[in-house]
Amino acid sequence: MYKEKEPFSRLTLESSYGTKQIVEWDHEDISIDDILDAFYGILIGATWHPQTILQAMQEFAEEKLEALGCKTTTNEE
């Protein structure tokens, strides 16, 4: 009997509203770009505006880089 191949990796966002956004990959060696693209797509599916997501990601990255002692540049300079 044929059994469908199970995904190796899965990223899921579930809400108390009963919605579920899922991205699955059929391999284990997913890249950080794959994960970030999937997360971005999930957030859009959860109705956040793309600009809001990207601005929040930028702020998150800048804060974390600063905590690591890395110099960051912004478009405001």
PDB file of N, CA and C in Angstrom:
ATOM      1  N   MET A   1       0.833  -1.174   0.000  1.00  0.00           N
ATOM      2  CA  MET A   1       0.000   0.000   0.000  1.00  0.00           C
ATOM      3  C   MET A   1       0.886   1.249   0.000  1.00  0.00           C
ATOM      4  N   TYR A   2       0.531   2.219  -0.821  1.00  0.00           N
ATOM      5  CA  TYR A   2       1.308   3.452  -0.956  1.00  0.00           C
ATOM      6  C   TYR A   2       1.040   4.374   0.221  1.00  0.00           C
ATOM      7  N   LYS A   3       2.106   4.876   0.820  1.00  0.00           N
ATOM      8  CA  LYS A   3       1.985   5.860   1.897  1.00  0.00           C
ATOM      9  C   LYS A   3       2.660   7.152   1.438  1.00  0.00           C
ATOM     10  N   GLU A   4       1.929   8.252   1.512  1.00  0.00           N
ATOM     11  CA  GLU A   4       2.490   9.543   1.104  1.00  0.00           C
ATOM     12  C   GLU A   4       3.660   9.904   2.008  1.00  0.00           C
ATOM     13  N   LYS A   5       4.699  10.456   1.402  1.00  0.00           N
ATOM     14  CA  LYS A   5       5.897  10.842   2.136  1.00  0.00           C
ATOM     15  C   LYS A   5       5.590  11.984   3.103  1.00  0.00           C
ATOM     16  N   GLU A   6       6.011  11.832   4.341  1.00  0.00           N
ATOM     17  CA  GLU A   6       5.812  12.858   5.353  1.00  0.00           C
ATOM     18  C   GLU A   6       6.825  13.988   5.156  1.00  0.00           C
ATOM     19  N   PRO A   7       6.433  15.232   5.441  1.00  0.00           N
ATOM     20  CA  PRO A   7       7.383  16.336   5.328  1.00  0.00           C
ATOM     21  C   PRO A   7       8.458  16.223   6.406  1.00  0.00           C
ATOM     22  N   PHE A   8       9.664  16.667   6.093  1.00  0.00           N
ATOM     23  CA  PHE A   8      10.765  16.647   7.043  1.00  0.00           C
ATOM     24  C   PHE A   8      10.708  17.842   7.979  1.00  0.00           C
ATOM     25  N   SER A   9      10.302  18.986   7.472  1.00  0.00           N
ATOM     26  CA  SER A   9      10.311  20.219   8.249  1.00  0.00           C
ATOM     27  C   SER A   9       8.981  20.936   8.069  1.00  0.00           C
ATOM     28  N   ARG A  10       8.522  21.566   9.160  1.00  0.00           N
ATOM     29  CA  ARG A  10       7.229  22.251   9.118  1.00  0.00           C
ATOM     30  C   ARG A  10       7.299  23.495  10.000  1.00  0.00           C
ATOM     31  N   LEU A  11       6.741  24.591   9.498  1.00  0.00           N
ATOM     32  CA  LEU A  11       6.612  25.831  10.253  1.00  0.00           C
ATOM     33  C   LEU A  11       5.125  26.131  10.329  1.00  0.00           C
ATOM     34  N   THR A  12       4.597  26.304  11.554  1.00  0.00           N
ATOM     35  CA  THR A  12       3.158  26.468  11.750  1.00  0.00           C
ATOM     36  C   THR A  12       2.865  27.646  12.669  1.00  0.00           C
ATOM     37  N   LEU A  13       1.836  28.401  12.332  1.00  0.00           N
ATOM     38  CA  LEU A  13       1.312  29.456  13.198  1.00  0.00           C
ATOM     39  C   LEU A  13      -0.173  29.183  13.379  1.00  0.00           C
ATOM     40  N   GLU A  14      -0.588  28.949  14.619  1.00  0.00           N
ATOM     41  CA  GLU A  14      -1.997  28.733  14.933  1.00  0.00           C
ATOM     42  C   GLU A  14      -2.487  29.878  15.802  1.00  0.00           C
ATOM     43  N   SER A  15      -3.724  30.295  15.583  1.00  0.00           N
ATOM     44  CA  SER A  15      -4.290  31.371  16.386  1.00  0.00           C
ATOM     45  C   SER A  15      -5.492  30.868  17.173  1.00  0.00           C
ATOM     46  N   SER A  16      -5.868  31.640  18.167  1.00  0.00           N
ATOM     47  CA  SER A  16      -7.051  31.289  18.958  1.00  0.00           C
ATOM     48  C   SER A  16      -8.340  31.500  18.160  1.00  0.00           C
ATOM     49  N   TYR A  17      -8.231  32.126  16.996  1.00  0.00           N
ATOM     50  CA  TYR A  17      -9.391  32.305  16.123  1.00  0.00           C
ATOM     51  C   TYR A  17      -9.690  31.054  15.299  1.00  0.00           C
ATOM     52  N   GLY A  18      -8.854  30.049  15.443  1.00  0.00           N
ATOM     53  CA  GLY A  18      -9.070  28.808  14.709  1.00  0.00           C
ATOM     54  C   GLY A  18      -8.379  28.749  13.365  1.00  0.00           C
ATOM     55  N   THR A  19      -7.501  29.708  13.080  1.00  0.00           N
ATOM     56  CA  THR A  19      -6.777  29.674  11.812  1.00  0.00           C
ATOM     57  C   THR A  19      -5.424  29.009  12.011  1.00  0.00           C
ATOM     58  N   LYS A  20      -4.944  28.413  10.961  1.00  0.00           N
ATOM     59  CA  LYS A  20      -3.650  27.748  10.997  1.00  0.00           C
ATOM     60  C   LYS A  20      -2.946  27.981   9.668  1.00  0.00           C
ATOM     61  N   GLN A  21      -1.723  28.507   9.742  1.00  0.00           N
ATOM     62  CA  GLN A  21      -0.878  28.718   8.562  1.00  0.00           C
ATOM     63  C   GLN A  21       0.268  27.711   8.662  1.00  0.00           C
ATOM     64  N   ILE A  22       0.475  26.934   7.618  1.00  0.00           N
ATOM     65  CA  ILE A  22       1.506  25.888   7.642  1.00  0.00           C
ATOM     66  C   ILE A  22       2.344  25.956   6.376  1.00  0.00           C
ATOM     67  N   VAL A  23       3.659  25.850   6.553  1.00  0.00           N
ATOM     68  CA  VAL A  23       4.578  25.683   5.430  1.00  0.00           C
ATOM     69  C   VAL A  23       5.345  24.396   5.701  1.00  0.00           C
ATOM     70  N   GLU A  24       5.432  23.536   4.694  1.00  0.00           N
ATOM     71  CA  GLU A  24       6.141  22.265   4.835  1.00  0.00           C
ATOM     72  C   GLU A  24       7.197  22.130   3.757  1.00  0.00           C
ATOM     73  N   TRP A  25       8.308  21.517   4.128  1.00  0.00           N
ATOM     74  CA  TRP A  25       9.374  21.207   3.190  1.00  0.00           C
ATOM     75  C   TRP A  25       9.566  19.704   3.164  1.00  0.00           C
ATOM     76  N   ASP A  26       9.932  19.161   2.010  1.00  0.00           N
ATOM     77  CA  ASP A  26      10.131  17.719   1.885  1.00  0.00           C
ATOM     78  C   ASP A  26      11.592  17.320   2.075  1.00  0.00           C
ATOM     79  N   HIS A  27      12.354  18.196   2.721  1.00  0.00           N
ATOM     80  CA  HIS A  27      13.754  17.901   2.998  1.00  0.00           C
ATOM     81  C   HIS A  27      14.152  18.578   4.309  1.00  0.00           C
ATOM     82  N   GLU A  28      15.243  18.146   4.880  1.00  0.00           N
ATOM     83  CA  GLU A  28      15.674  18.669   6.182  1.00  0.00           C
ATOM     84  C   GLU A  28      16.627  19.849   6.074  1.00  0.00           C
ATOM     85  N   ASP A  29      17.336  19.962   4.991  1.00  0.00           N
ATOM     86  CA  ASP A  29      18.375  20.991   4.882  1.00  0.00           C
ATOM     87  C   ASP A  29      17.832  22.301   4.305  1.00  0.00           C
ATOM     88  N   ILE A  30      16.816  22.853   4.982  1.00  0.00           N
ATOM     89  CA  ILE A  30      16.249  24.123   4.540  1.00  0.00           C
ATOM     90  C   ILE A  30      17.184  25.259   4.944  1.00  0.00           C
ATOM     91  N   SER A  31      17.213  26.277   4.138  1.00  0.00           N
ATOM     92  CA  SER A  31      18.102  27.412   4.395  1.00  0.00           C
ATOM     93  C   SER A  31      17.392  28.462   5.246  1.00  0.00           C
ATOM     94  N   ILE A  32      18.158  29.364   5.809  1.00  0.00           N
ATOM     95  CA  ILE A  32      17.582  30.471   6.565  1.00  0.00           C
ATOM     96  C   ILE A  32      16.701  31.327   5.657  1.00  0.00           C
ATOM     97  N   ASP A  33      17.072  31.456   4.386  1.00  0.00           N
ATOM     98  CA  ASP A  33      16.241  32.202   3.435  1.00  0.00           C
ATOM     99  C   ASP A  33      14.885  31.526   3.248  1.00  0.00           C
ATOM    100  N   ASP A  34      14.882  30.181   3.173  1.00  0.00           N
ATOM    101  CA  ASP A  34      13.625  29.447   3.054  1.00  0.00           C
ATOM    102  C   ASP A  34      12.734  29.698   4.262  1.00  0.00           C
ATOM    103  N   ILE A  35      13.325  29.669   5.445  1.00  0.00           N
ATOM    104  CA  ILE A  35      12.560  29.867   6.675  1.00  0.00           C
ATOM    105  C   ILE A  35      12.019  31.293   6.747  1.00  0.00           C
ATOM    106  N   LEU A  36      12.859  32.279   6.439  1.00  0.00           N
ATOM    107  CA  LEU A  36      12.406  33.673   6.485  1.00  0.00           C
ATOM    108  C   LEU A  36      11.312  33.944   5.456  1.00  0.00           C
ATOM    109  N   ASP A  37      11.461  33.397   4.247  1.00  0.00           N
ATOM    110  CA  ASP A  37      10.419  33.556   3.222  1.00  0.00           C
ATOM    111  C   ASP A  37       9.107  32.927   3.684  1.00  0.00           C
ATOM    112  N   ALA A  38       9.203  31.755   4.289  1.00  0.00           N
ATOM    113  CA  ALA A  38       8.003  31.072   4.776  1.00  0.00           C
ATOM    114  C   ALA A  38       7.346  31.858   5.907  1.00  0.00           C
ATOM    115  N   PHE A  39       8.158  32.345   6.846  1.00  0.00           N
ATOM    116  CA  PHE A  39       7.636  33.120   7.965  1.00  0.00           C
ATOM    117  C   PHE A  39       6.950  34.391   7.459  1.00  0.00           C
ATOM    118  N   TYR A  40       7.573  35.065   6.520  1.00  0.00           N
ATOM    119  CA  TYR A  40       6.997  36.265   5.901  1.00  0.00           C
ATOM    120  C   TYR A  40       5.646  35.928   5.253  1.00  0.00           C
ATOM    121  N   GLY A  41       5.606  34.839   4.512  1.00  0.00           N
ATOM    122  CA  GLY A  41       4.358  34.419   3.863  1.00  0.00           C
ATOM    123  C   GLY A  41       3.275  34.054   4.861  1.00  0.00           C
ATOM    124  N   ILE A  42       3.657  33.394   5.948  1.00  0.00           N
ATOM    125  CA  ILE A  42       2.698  33.041   6.995  1.00  0.00           C
ATOM    126  C   ILE A  42       2.111  34.303   7.625  1.00  0.00           C
ATOM    127  N   LEU A  43       2.955  35.278   7.897  1.00  0.00           N
ATOM    128  CA  LEU A  43       2.461  36.521   8.499  1.00  0.00           C
ATOM    129  C   LEU A  43       1.526  37.272   7.566  1.00  0.00           C
ATOM    130  N   ILE A  44       1.814  37.265   6.277  1.00  0.00           N
ATOM    131  CA  ILE A  44       0.898  37.868   5.305  1.00  0.00           C
ATOM    132  C   ILE A  44      -0.423  37.103   5.315  1.00  0.00           C
ATOM    133  N   GLY A  45      -0.340  35.771   5.371  1.00  0.00           N
ATOM    134  CA  GLY A  45      -1.555  34.959   5.445  1.00  0.00           C
ATOM    135  C   GLY A  45      -2.358  35.211   6.707  1.00  0.00           C
ATOM    136  N   ALA A  46      -1.670  35.672   7.761  1.00  0.00           N
ATOM    137  CA  ALA A  46      -2.336  36.004   9.020  1.00  0.00           C
ATOM    138  C   ALA A  46      -2.816  37.456   9.020  1.00  0.00           C
ATOM    139  N   THR A  47      -2.777  38.099   7.875  1.00  0.00           N
ATOM    140  CA  THR A  47      -3.333  39.430   7.566  1.00  0.00           C
ATOM    141  C   THR A  47      -2.485  40.627   7.984  1.00  0.00           C
ATOM    142  N   TRP A  48      -1.213  40.426   8.299  1.00  0.00           N
ATOM    143  CA  TRP A  48      -0.357  41.580   8.525  1.00  0.00           C
ATOM    144  C   TRP A  48       0.047  42.177   7.185  1.00  0.00           C
ATOM    145  N   HIS A  49       0.207  43.476   7.151  1.00  0.00           N
ATOM    146  CA  HIS A  49       0.611  44.180   5.937  1.00  0.00           C
ATOM    147  C   HIS A  49       2.107  43.936   5.702  1.00  0.00           C
ATOM    148  N   PRO A  50       2.519  43.701   4.462  1.00  0.00           N
ATOM    149  CA  PRO A  50       3.936  43.439   4.178  1.00  0.00           C
ATOM    150  C   PRO A  50       4.889  44.504   4.725  1.00  0.00           C
ATOM    151  N   GLN A  51       4.539  45.772   4.616  1.00  0.00           N
ATOM    152  CA  GLN A  51       5.424  46.821   5.116  1.00  0.00           C
ATOM    153  C   GLN A  51       5.572  46.735   6.637  1.00  0.00           C
ATOM    154  N   THR A  52       4.495  46.437   7.337  1.00  0.00           N
ATOM    155  CA  THR A  52       4.541  46.289   8.789  1.00  0.00           C
ATOM    156  C   THR A  52       5.471  45.142   9.177  1.00  0.00           C
ATOM    157  N   ILE A  53       5.371  44.036   8.467  1.00  0.00           N
ATOM    158  CA  ILE A  53       6.214  42.868   8.739  1.00  0.00           C
ATOM    159  C   ILE A  53       7.682  43.218   8.526  1.00  0.00           C
ATOM    160  N   LEU A  54       7.983  43.818   7.387  1.00  0.00           N
ATOM    161  CA  LEU A  54       9.376  44.118   7.057  1.00  0.00           C
ATOM    162  C   LEU A  54       9.984  45.151   7.994  1.00  0.00           C
ATOM    163  N   GLN A  55       9.200  46.148   8.391  1.00  0.00           N
ATOM    164  CA  GLN A  55       9.713  47.130   9.350  1.00  0.00           C
ATOM    165  C   GLN A  55      10.001  46.474  10.700  1.00  0.00           C
ATOM    166  N   ALA A  56       9.110  45.592  11.138  1.00  0.00           N
ATOM    167  CA  ALA A  56       9.324  44.886  12.401  1.00  0.00           C
ATOM    168  C   ALA A  56      10.549  43.972  12.306  1.00  0.00           C
ATOM    169  N   MET A  57      10.722  43.305  11.170  1.00  0.00           N
ATOM    170  CA  MET A  57      11.901  42.451  10.974  1.00  0.00           C
ATOM    171  C   MET A  57      13.180  43.277  11.014  1.00  0.00           C
ATOM    172  N   GLN A  58      13.142  44.456  10.393  1.00  0.00           N
ATOM    173  CA  GLN A  58      14.308  45.335  10.383  1.00  0.00           C
ATOM    174  C   GLN A  58      14.656  45.779  11.805  1.00  0.00           C
ATOM    175  N   GLU A  59      13.655  46.217  12.558  1.00  0.00           N
ATOM    176  CA  GLU A  59      13.891  46.635  13.938  1.00  0.00           C
ATOM    177  C   GLU A  59      14.432  45.475  14.779  1.00  0.00           C
ATOM    178  N   PHE A  60      13.859  44.290  14.594  1.00  0.00           N
ATOM    179  CA  PHE A  60      14.306  43.104  15.308  1.00  0.00           C
ATOM    180  C   PHE A  60      15.776  42.824  14.999  1.00  0.00           C
ATOM    181  N   ALA A  61      16.116  42.833  13.716  1.00  0.00           N
ATOM    182  CA  ALA A  61      17.491  42.543  13.301  1.00  0.00           C
ATOM    183  C   ALA A  61      18.468  43.583  13.842  1.00  0.00           C
ATOM    184  N   GLU A  62      18.093  44.843  13.765  1.00  0.00           N
ATOM    185  CA  GLU A  62      18.974  45.896  14.258  1.00  0.00           C
ATOM    186  C   GLU A  62      19.208  45.770  15.764  1.00  0.00           C
ATOM    187  N   GLU A  63      18.158  45.469  16.522  1.00  0.00           N
ATOM    188  CA  GLU A  63      18.298  45.289  17.977  1.00  0.00           C
ATOM    189  C   GLU A  63      19.205  44.113  18.306  1.00  0.00           C
ATOM    190  N   LYS A  64      19.009  43.004  17.616  1.00  0.00           N
ATOM    191  CA  LYS A  64      19.808  41.804  17.886  1.00  0.00           C
ATOM    192  C   LYS A  64      21.257  41.998  17.461  1.00  0.00           C
ATOM    193  N   LEU A  65      21.478  42.662  16.330  1.00  0.00           N
ATOM    194  CA  LEU A  65      22.845  42.937  15.883  1.00  0.00           C
ATOM    195  C   LEU A  65      23.561  43.873  16.857  1.00  0.00           C
ATOM    196  N   GLU A  66      22.843  44.871  17.349  1.00  0.00           N
ATOM    197  CA  GLU A  66      23.427  45.785  18.327  1.00  0.00           C
ATOM    198  C   GLU A  66      23.799  45.028  19.607  1.00  0.00           C
ATOM    199  N   ALA A  67      22.951  44.123  20.045  1.00  0.00           N
ATOM    200  CA  ALA A  67      23.231  43.330  21.239  1.00  0.00           C
ATOM    201  C   ALA A  67      24.471  42.453  21.048  1.00  0.00           C
ATOM    202  N   LEU A  68      24.724  42.056  19.804  1.00  0.00           N
ATOM    203  CA  LEU A  68      25.917  41.258  19.493  1.00  0.00           C
ATOM    204  C   LEU A  68      27.155  42.123  19.283  1.00  0.00           C
ATOM    205  N   GLY A  69      26.970  43.432  19.318  1.00  0.00           N
ATOM    206  CA  GLY A  69      28.095  44.344  19.123  1.00  0.00           C
ATOM    207  C   GLY A  69      28.411  44.625  17.674  1.00  0.00           C
ATOM    208  N   CYS A  70      27.481  44.352  16.794  1.00  0.00           N
ATOM    209  CA  CYS A  70      27.679  44.600  15.365  1.00  0.00           C
ATOM    210  C   CYS A  70      27.157  45.987  15.015  1.00  0.00           C
ATOM    211  N   LYS A  71      27.890  46.682  14.160  1.00  0.00           N
ATOM    212  CA  LYS A  71      27.462  48.001  13.713  1.00  0.00           C
ATOM    213  C   LYS A  71      26.375  47.831  12.657  1.00  0.00           C
ATOM    214  N   THR A  72      25.327  48.611  12.787  1.00  0.00           N
ATOM    215  CA  THR A  72      24.236  48.590  11.792  1.00  0.00           C
ATOM    216  C   THR A  72      24.084  49.963  11.191  1.00  0.00           C
ATOM    217  N   THR A  73      23.537  49.999   9.980  1.00  0.00           N
ATOM    218  CA  THR A  73      23.220  51.270   9.327  1.00  0.00           C
ATOM    219  C   THR A  73      21.754  51.279   9.002  1.00  0.00           C
ATOM    220  N   THR A  74      21.149  52.447   9.027  1.00  0.00           N
ATOM    221  CA  THR A  74      19.732  52.570   8.684  1.00  0.00           C
ATOM    222  C   THR A  74      19.581  53.583   7.564  1.00  0.00           C
ATOM    223  N   ASN A  75      18.440  53.601   6.952  1.00  0.00           N
ATOM    224  CA  ASN A  75      18.144  54.548   5.884  1.00  0.00           C
ATOM    225  C   ASN A  75      17.907  55.948   6.424  1.00  0.00           C
ATOM    226  N   GLU A  76      17.759  56.086   7.750  1.00  0.00           N
ATOM    227  CA  GLU A  76      17.480  57.377   8.343  1.00  0.00           C
ATOM    228  C   GLU A  76      18.721  58.228   8.486  1.00  0.00           C
ATOM    229  N   GLU A  77      19.902  57.671   8.315  1.00  0.00           N
ATOM    230  CA  GLU A  77      21.149  58.407   8.480  1.00  0.00           C
ATOM    231  C   GLU A  77      21.442  59.279   7.280  1.00  0.00           C
TER     232      GLU A  77
END
